[in-house]
């Protein structure tokens, strides 16, 4: 064998083992074993465990039986302040503020009850509809003024404006805030494959 053939064979062997060695985190249906959903690690998940709820967290790592997420954790740190009065008497004041730090949390597969994911990865398109819904709330304030000025006809016209604002904003907001729920206690199981 020539030198070029050996190098080509070595690179081919390394590329095959690299592809075979990469695992993926997935959800598998408990009764329909062929039904699988691969979890995208770029997405944010709502993870419900027996004792805590983690909202909008990314899965940063996983093993055969655990997932790792980066979440905000509350810690307490005492701050001691000393004050001197005009009569040279020291006053000591202790403050215990809540401080949140970013920390890695490891969750076992068996501890997860539900896994929820938003229907849409990007929700920026919902912002205009949210502003329209807020405008619909403020239109209610104008209804008494219209009742005084134009009577029942003015109220009917503003009620139509209110109904049209709600008709435009509520359906997209309803669809945009939906989440797909995976019940890991009854229907689904987490696996690495």
C-alpha atoms as a PDB file:
ATOM      1  CA  UNK A   1       0.000   0.000   0.000  1.00  0.00           C
ATOM      2  CA  UNK A   2       1.155   3.473  -0.756  1.00  0.00           C
ATOM      3  CA  UNK A   3       1.472   6.333   1.673  1.00  0.00           C
ATOM      4  CA  UNK A   4      -1.517   8.221   0.143  1.00  0.00           C
ATOM      5  CA  UNK A   5      -3.747   5.147   0.369  1.00  0.00           C
ATOM      6  CA  UNK A   6      -2.976   4.667   4.069  1.00  0.00           C
ATOM      7  CA  UNK A   7      -3.736   8.329   4.856  1.00  0.00           C
ATOM      8  CA  UNK A   8      -6.974   8.234   2.848  1.00  0.00           C
ATOM      9  CA  UNK A   9      -8.044   5.001   4.586  1.00  0.00           C
ATOM     10  CA  UNK A  10      -7.224   6.516   8.023  1.00  0.00           C
ATOM     11  CA  UNK A  11      -9.282   9.671   7.335  1.00  0.00           C
ATOM     12  CA  UNK A  12     -12.157   7.539   6.049  1.00  0.00           C
ATOM     13  CA  UNK A  13     -12.041   5.400   9.200  1.00  0.00           C
ATOM     14  CA  UNK A  14     -11.942   8.474  11.458  1.00  0.00           C
ATOM     15  CA  UNK A  15     -14.891  10.084   9.677  1.00  0.00           C
ATOM     16  CA  UNK A  16     -17.029   6.934   9.995  1.00  0.00           C
ATOM     17  CA  UNK A  17     -16.332   6.583  13.719  1.00  0.00           C
ATOM     18  CA  UNK A  18     -17.072  10.269  14.282  1.00  0.00           C
ATOM     19  CA  UNK A  19     -20.505   9.955  12.659  1.00  0.00           C
ATOM     20  CA  UNK A  20     -21.329   6.761  14.540  1.00  0.00           C
ATOM     21  CA  UNK A  21     -20.118   8.147  17.855  1.00  0.00           C
ATOM     22  CA  UNK A  22     -22.512  11.127  18.055  1.00  0.00           C
ATOM     23  CA  UNK A  23     -25.615  10.476  20.153  1.00  0.00           C
ATOM     24  CA  UNK A  24     -28.902  12.365  19.994  1.00  0.00           C
ATOM     25  CA  UNK A  25     -31.404  13.075  22.735  1.00  0.00           C
ATOM     26  CA  UNK A  26     -34.902  11.983  21.806  1.00  0.00           C
ATOM     27  CA  UNK A  27     -38.380  11.285  23.082  1.00  0.00           C
ATOM     28  CA  UNK A  28     -39.738   7.831  22.370  1.00  0.00           C
ATOM     29  CA  UNK A  29     -43.378   6.829  22.723  1.00  0.00           C
ATOM     30  CA  UNK A  30     -43.842   4.082  25.328  1.00  0.00           C
ATOM     31  CA  UNK A  31     -46.324   1.978  23.349  1.00  0.00           C
ATOM     32  CA  UNK A  32     -45.470   2.931  19.757  1.00  0.00           C
ATOM     33  CA  UNK A  33     -41.711   2.382  19.848  1.00  0.00           C
ATOM     34  CA  UNK A  34     -41.205   3.560  16.267  1.00  0.00           C
ATOM     35  CA  UNK A  35     -42.617   7.004  17.148  1.00  0.00           C
ATOM     36  CA  UNK A  36     -39.633   9.203  18.069  1.00  0.00           C
ATOM     37  CA  UNK A  37     -39.094  12.947  18.396  1.00  0.00           C
ATOM     38  CA  UNK A  38     -35.543  14.301  18.329  1.00  0.00           C
ATOM     39  CA  UNK A  39     -35.000  17.187  20.726  1.00  0.00           C
ATOM     40  CA  UNK A  40     -33.387  20.273  19.265  1.00  0.00           C
ATOM     41  CA  UNK A  41     -30.847  21.542  21.795  1.00  0.00           C
ATOM     42  CA  UNK A  42     -31.149  25.069  20.381  1.00  0.00           C
ATOM     43  CA  UNK A  43     -34.776  25.355  21.539  1.00  0.00           C
ATOM     44  CA  UNK A  44     -36.020  26.386  24.986  1.00  0.00           C
ATOM     45  CA  UNK A  45     -38.023  23.881  27.027  1.00  0.00           C
ATOM     46  CA  UNK A  46     -40.338  24.060  30.002  1.00  0.00           C
ATOM     47  CA  UNK A  47     -39.298  21.194  32.293  1.00  0.00           C
ATOM     48  CA  UNK A  48     -41.682  20.088  35.047  1.00  0.00           C
ATOM     49  CA  UNK A  49     -40.147  17.895  37.759  1.00  0.00           C
ATOM     50  CA  UNK A  50     -41.649  16.579  40.976  1.00  0.00           C
ATOM     51  CA  UNK A  51     -40.434  19.538  43.032  1.00  0.00           C
ATOM     52  CA  UNK A  52     -39.645  22.403  40.625  1.00  0.00           C
ATOM     53  CA  UNK A  53     -40.570  23.974  37.292  1.00  0.00           C
ATOM     54  CA  UNK A  54     -37.840  25.213  34.950  1.00  0.00           C
ATOM     55  CA  UNK A  55     -39.240  27.640  32.381  1.00  0.00           C
ATOM     56  CA  UNK A  56     -37.555  28.566  29.104  1.00  0.00           C
ATOM     57  CA  UNK A  57     -34.357  26.624  29.693  1.00  0.00           C
ATOM     58  CA  UNK A  58     -31.966  25.222  27.103  1.00  0.00           C
ATOM     59  CA  UNK A  59     -30.561  21.734  27.466  1.00  0.00           C
ATOM     60  CA  UNK A  60     -26.801  22.247  27.470  1.00  0.00           C
ATOM     61  CA  UNK A  61     -25.771  18.620  27.894  1.00  0.00           C
ATOM     62  CA  UNK A  62     -26.998  15.101  28.546  1.00  0.00           C
ATOM     63  CA  UNK A  63     -25.904  11.614  29.520  1.00  0.00           C
ATOM     64  CA  UNK A  64     -27.695   8.276  29.326  1.00  0.00           C
ATOM     65  CA  UNK A  65     -29.830   9.115  32.364  1.00  0.00           C
ATOM     66  CA  UNK A  66     -29.621  12.891  33.010  1.00  0.00           C
ATOM     67  CA  UNK A  67     -29.925  16.248  31.292  1.00  0.00           C
ATOM     68  CA  UNK A  68     -28.037  19.416  32.229  1.00  0.00           C
ATOM     69  CA  UNK A  69     -29.625  22.843  32.039  1.00  0.00           C
ATOM     70  CA  UNK A  70     -28.280  26.281  32.846  1.00  0.00           C
ATOM     71  CA  UNK A  71     -30.804  27.933  35.162  1.00  0.00           C
ATOM     72  CA  UNK A  72     -31.030  30.864  37.549  1.00  0.00           C
ATOM     73  CA  UNK A  73     -30.498  29.802  41.164  1.00  0.00           C
ATOM     74  CA  UNK A  74     -31.299  31.928  44.193  1.00  0.00           C
ATOM     75  CA  UNK A  75     -28.534  32.297  46.775  1.00  0.00           C
ATOM     76  CA  UNK A  76     -28.460  34.371  49.921  1.00  0.00           C
ATOM     77  CA  UNK A  77     -25.471  36.498  50.842  1.00  0.00           C
ATOM     78  CA  UNK A  78     -25.274  38.482  54.059  1.00  0.00           C
ATOM     79  CA  UNK A  79     -24.192  42.084  53.814  1.00  0.00           C
ATOM     80  CA  UNK A  80     -23.144  43.744  57.053  1.00  0.00           C
ATOM     81  CA  UNK A  81     -23.240  47.525  57.240  1.00  0.00           C
ATOM     82  CA  UNK A  82     -21.828  49.558  60.134  1.00  0.00           C
ATOM     83  CA  UNK A  83     -22.935  53.104  60.778  1.00  0.00           C
ATOM     84  CA  UNK A  84     -21.536  55.638  63.275  1.00  0.00           C
ATOM     85  CA  UNK A  85     -23.921  58.051  64.902  1.00  0.00           C
ATOM     86  CA  UNK A  86     -23.090  61.569  66.059  1.00  0.00           C
ATOM     87  CA  UNK A  87     -22.434  60.235  69.554  1.00  0.00           C
ATOM     88  CA  UNK A  88     -19.854  57.663  68.227  1.00  0.00           C
ATOM     89  CA  UNK A  89     -22.193  54.726  68.791  1.00  0.00           C
ATOM     90  CA  UNK A  90     -21.836  51.960  66.201  1.00  0.00           C
ATOM     91  CA  UNK A  91     -25.005  50.605  64.666  1.00  0.00           C
ATOM     92  CA  UNK A  92     -24.669  47.282  62.841  1.00  0.00           C
ATOM     93  CA  UNK A  93     -27.217  46.478  60.176  1.00  0.00           C
ATOM     94  CA  UNK A  94     -27.308  43.049  58.539  1.00  0.00           C
ATOM     95  CA  UNK A  95     -29.034  42.661  55.196  1.00  0.00           C
ATOM     96  CA  UNK A  96     -29.717  39.350  53.435  1.00  0.00           C
ATOM     97  CA  UNK A  97     -30.628  40.127  49.819  1.00  0.00           C
ATOM     98  CA  UNK A  98     -31.617  37.469  47.319  1.00  0.00           C
ATOM     99  CA  UNK A  99     -28.986  37.113  44.646  1.00  0.00           C
ATOM    100  CA  UNK A 100     -29.555  35.068  41.506  1.00  0.00           C
ATOM    101  CA  UNK A 101     -26.667  33.383  39.730  1.00  0.00           C
ATOM    102  CA  UNK A 102     -26.526  31.254  36.599  1.00  0.00           C
ATOM    103  CA  UNK A 103     -25.791  27.661  37.602  1.00  0.00           C
ATOM    104  CA  UNK A 104     -25.833  24.248  35.958  1.00  0.00           C
ATOM    105  CA  UNK A 105     -28.591  21.966  37.174  1.00  0.00           C
ATOM    106  CA  UNK A 106     -28.582  18.233  36.515  1.00  0.00           C
ATOM    107  CA  UNK A 107     -31.996  16.548  36.246  1.00  0.00           C
ATOM    108  CA  UNK A 108     -32.500  12.792  36.082  1.00  0.00           C
ATOM    109  CA  UNK A 109     -34.779  11.461  33.335  1.00  0.00           C
ATOM    110  CA  UNK A 110     -36.919   9.741  35.997  1.00  0.00           C
ATOM    111  CA  UNK A 111     -37.581  13.042  37.807  1.00  0.00           C
ATOM    112  CA  UNK A 112     -39.156  14.753  34.790  1.00  0.00           C
ATOM    113  CA  UNK A 113     -42.947  14.659  34.653  1.00  0.00           C
ATOM    114  CA  UNK A 114     -43.666  16.914  31.672  1.00  0.00           C
ATOM    115  CA  UNK A 115     -41.639  18.486  28.913  1.00  0.00           C
ATOM    116  CA  UNK A 116     -43.226  21.408  27.055  1.00  0.00           C
ATOM    117  CA  UNK A 117     -42.013  23.218  23.964  1.00  0.00           C
ATOM    118  CA  UNK A 118     -43.455  26.293  22.251  1.00  0.00           C
ATOM    119  CA  UNK A 119     -45.061  25.785  18.858  1.00  0.00           C
ATOM    120  CA  UNK A 120     -42.994  28.607  17.397  1.00  0.00           C
ATOM    121  CA  UNK A 121     -39.285  29.061  17.970  1.00  0.00           C
ATOM    122  CA  UNK A 122     -39.356  32.799  17.311  1.00  0.00           C
ATOM    123  CA  UNK A 123     -42.196  34.816  18.848  1.00  0.00           C
ATOM    124  CA  UNK A 124     -41.199  38.291  17.718  1.00  0.00           C
ATOM    125  CA  UNK A 125     -44.112  38.315  15.246  1.00  0.00           C
ATOM    126  CA  UNK A 126     -46.543  38.337  18.223  1.00  0.00           C
ATOM    127  CA  UNK A 127     -45.466  41.788  19.410  1.00  0.00           C
ATOM    128  CA  UNK A 128     -47.748  43.870  17.112  1.00  0.00           C
ATOM    129  CA  UNK A 129     -50.743  41.743  18.082  1.00  0.00           C
ATOM    130  CA  UNK A 130     -49.912  42.289  21.748  1.00  0.00           C
ATOM    131  CA  UNK A 131     -49.936  46.053  21.219  1.00  0.00           C
ATOM    132  CA  UNK A 132     -53.300  45.778  19.458  1.00  0.00           C
ATOM    133  CA  UNK A 133     -54.683  43.833  22.441  1.00  0.00           C
ATOM    134  CA  UNK A 134     -53.394  46.539  24.805  1.00  0.00           C
ATOM    135  CA  UNK A 135     -55.080  49.158  22.607  1.00  0.00           C
ATOM    136  CA  UNK A 136     -58.336  47.179  22.886  1.00  0.00           C
ATOM    137  CA  UNK A 137     -58.142  47.494  26.672  1.00  0.00           C
ATOM    138  CA  UNK A 138     -57.628  51.268  26.477  1.00  0.00           C
ATOM    139  CA  UNK A 139     -60.544  51.667  24.056  1.00  0.00           C
ATOM    140  CA  UNK A 140     -62.852  50.596  26.911  1.00  0.00           C
ATOM    141  CA  UNK A 141     -61.911  53.822  28.730  1.00  0.00           C
ATOM    142  CA  UNK A 142     -63.380  55.879  25.854  1.00  0.00           C
ATOM    143  CA  UNK A 143     -66.785  54.112  25.969  1.00  0.00           C
ATOM    144  CA  UNK A 144     -68.292  56.324  28.740  1.00  0.00           C
ATOM    145  CA  UNK A 145     -67.162  59.464  26.882  1.00  0.00           C
ATOM    146  CA  UNK A 146     -68.845  58.219  23.704  1.00  0.00           C
ATOM    147  CA  UNK A 147     -71.984  57.400  25.686  1.00  0.00           C
ATOM    148  CA  UNK A 148     -72.127  60.997  26.953  1.00  0.00           C
ATOM    149  CA  UNK A 149     -71.434  62.608  23.572  1.00  0.00           C
ATOM    150  CA  UNK A 150     -73.253  60.393  21.056  1.00  0.00           C
ATOM    151  CA  UNK A 151     -75.518  58.267  23.210  1.00  0.00           C
ATOM    152  CA  UNK A 152     -76.154  54.624  22.419  1.00  0.00           C
ATOM    153  CA  UNK A 153     -75.086  55.032  18.774  1.00  0.00           C
ATOM    154  CA  UNK A 154     -71.597  56.169  19.858  1.00  0.00           C
ATOM    155  CA  UNK A 155     -71.319  53.220  22.252  1.00  0.00           C
ATOM    156  CA  UNK A 156     -72.265  50.802  19.457  1.00  0.00           C
ATOM    157  CA  UNK A 157     -69.629  52.284  17.151  1.00  0.00           C
ATOM    158  CA  UNK A 158     -66.888  52.045  19.795  1.00  0.00           C
ATOM    159  CA  UNK A 159     -68.022  48.528  20.680  1.00  0.00           C
ATOM    160  CA  UNK A 160     -67.505  47.622  17.007  1.00  0.00           C
ATOM    161  CA  UNK A 161     -63.990  49.105  17.158  1.00  0.00           C
ATOM    162  CA  UNK A 162     -63.347  47.088  20.333  1.00  0.00           C
ATOM    163  CA  UNK A 163     -64.642  43.882  18.718  1.00  0.00           C
ATOM    164  CA  UNK A 164     -62.523  44.389  15.602  1.00  0.00           C
ATOM    165  CA  UNK A 165     -59.357  45.004  17.667  1.00  0.00           C
ATOM    166  CA  UNK A 166     -60.001  41.846  19.668  1.00  0.00           C
ATOM    167  CA  UNK A 167     -60.806  39.855  16.523  1.00  0.00           C
ATOM    168  CA  UNK A 168     -57.475  40.888  15.014  1.00  0.00           C
ATOM    169  CA  UNK A 169     -55.309  40.317  18.098  1.00  0.00           C
ATOM    170  CA  UNK A 170     -56.709  37.358  20.067  1.00  0.00           C
ATOM    171  CA  UNK A 171     -56.388  34.487  17.518  1.00  0.00           C
ATOM    172  CA  UNK A 172     -52.674  35.080  16.746  1.00  0.00           C
ATOM    173  CA  UNK A 173     -51.912  35.553  20.455  1.00  0.00           C
ATOM    174  CA  UNK A 174     -53.758  32.341  21.257  1.00  0.00           C
ATOM    175  CA  UNK A 175     -51.846  30.343  18.616  1.00  0.00           C
ATOM    176  CA  UNK A 176     -48.505  31.974  19.371  1.00  0.00           C
ATOM    177  CA  UNK A 177     -48.596  31.087  23.056  1.00  0.00           C
ATOM    178  CA  UNK A 178     -49.469  27.398  22.587  1.00  0.00           C
ATOM    179  CA  UNK A 179     -47.081  24.683  23.747  1.00  0.00           C
ATOM    180  CA  UNK A 180     -46.706  21.032  22.797  1.00  0.00           C
ATOM    181  CA  UNK A 181     -46.770  18.909  25.958  1.00  0.00           C
ATOM    182  CA  UNK A 182     -44.996  15.574  26.331  1.00  0.00           C
ATOM    183  CA  UNK A 183     -46.153  13.542  29.342  1.00  0.00           C
ATOM    184  CA  UNK A 184     -43.105  11.554  30.491  1.00  0.00           C
ATOM    185  CA  UNK A 185     -45.043   9.791  33.241  1.00  0.00           C
ATOM    186  CA  UNK A 186     -47.503   8.013  30.932  1.00  0.00           C
ATOM    187  CA  UNK A 187     -46.780   8.346  27.208  1.00  0.00           C
ATOM    188  CA  UNK A 188     -43.171   9.334  26.488  1.00  0.00           C
ATOM    189  CA  UNK A 189     -39.684   8.452  27.689  1.00  0.00           C
ATOM    190  CA  UNK A 190     -36.362  10.251  27.256  1.00  0.00           C
ATOM    191  CA  UNK A 191     -33.600   8.276  25.579  1.00  0.00           C
ATOM    192  CA  UNK A 192     -30.158   8.816  24.115  1.00  0.00           C
ATOM    193  CA  UNK A 193     -29.647   7.071  20.799  1.00  0.00           C
END
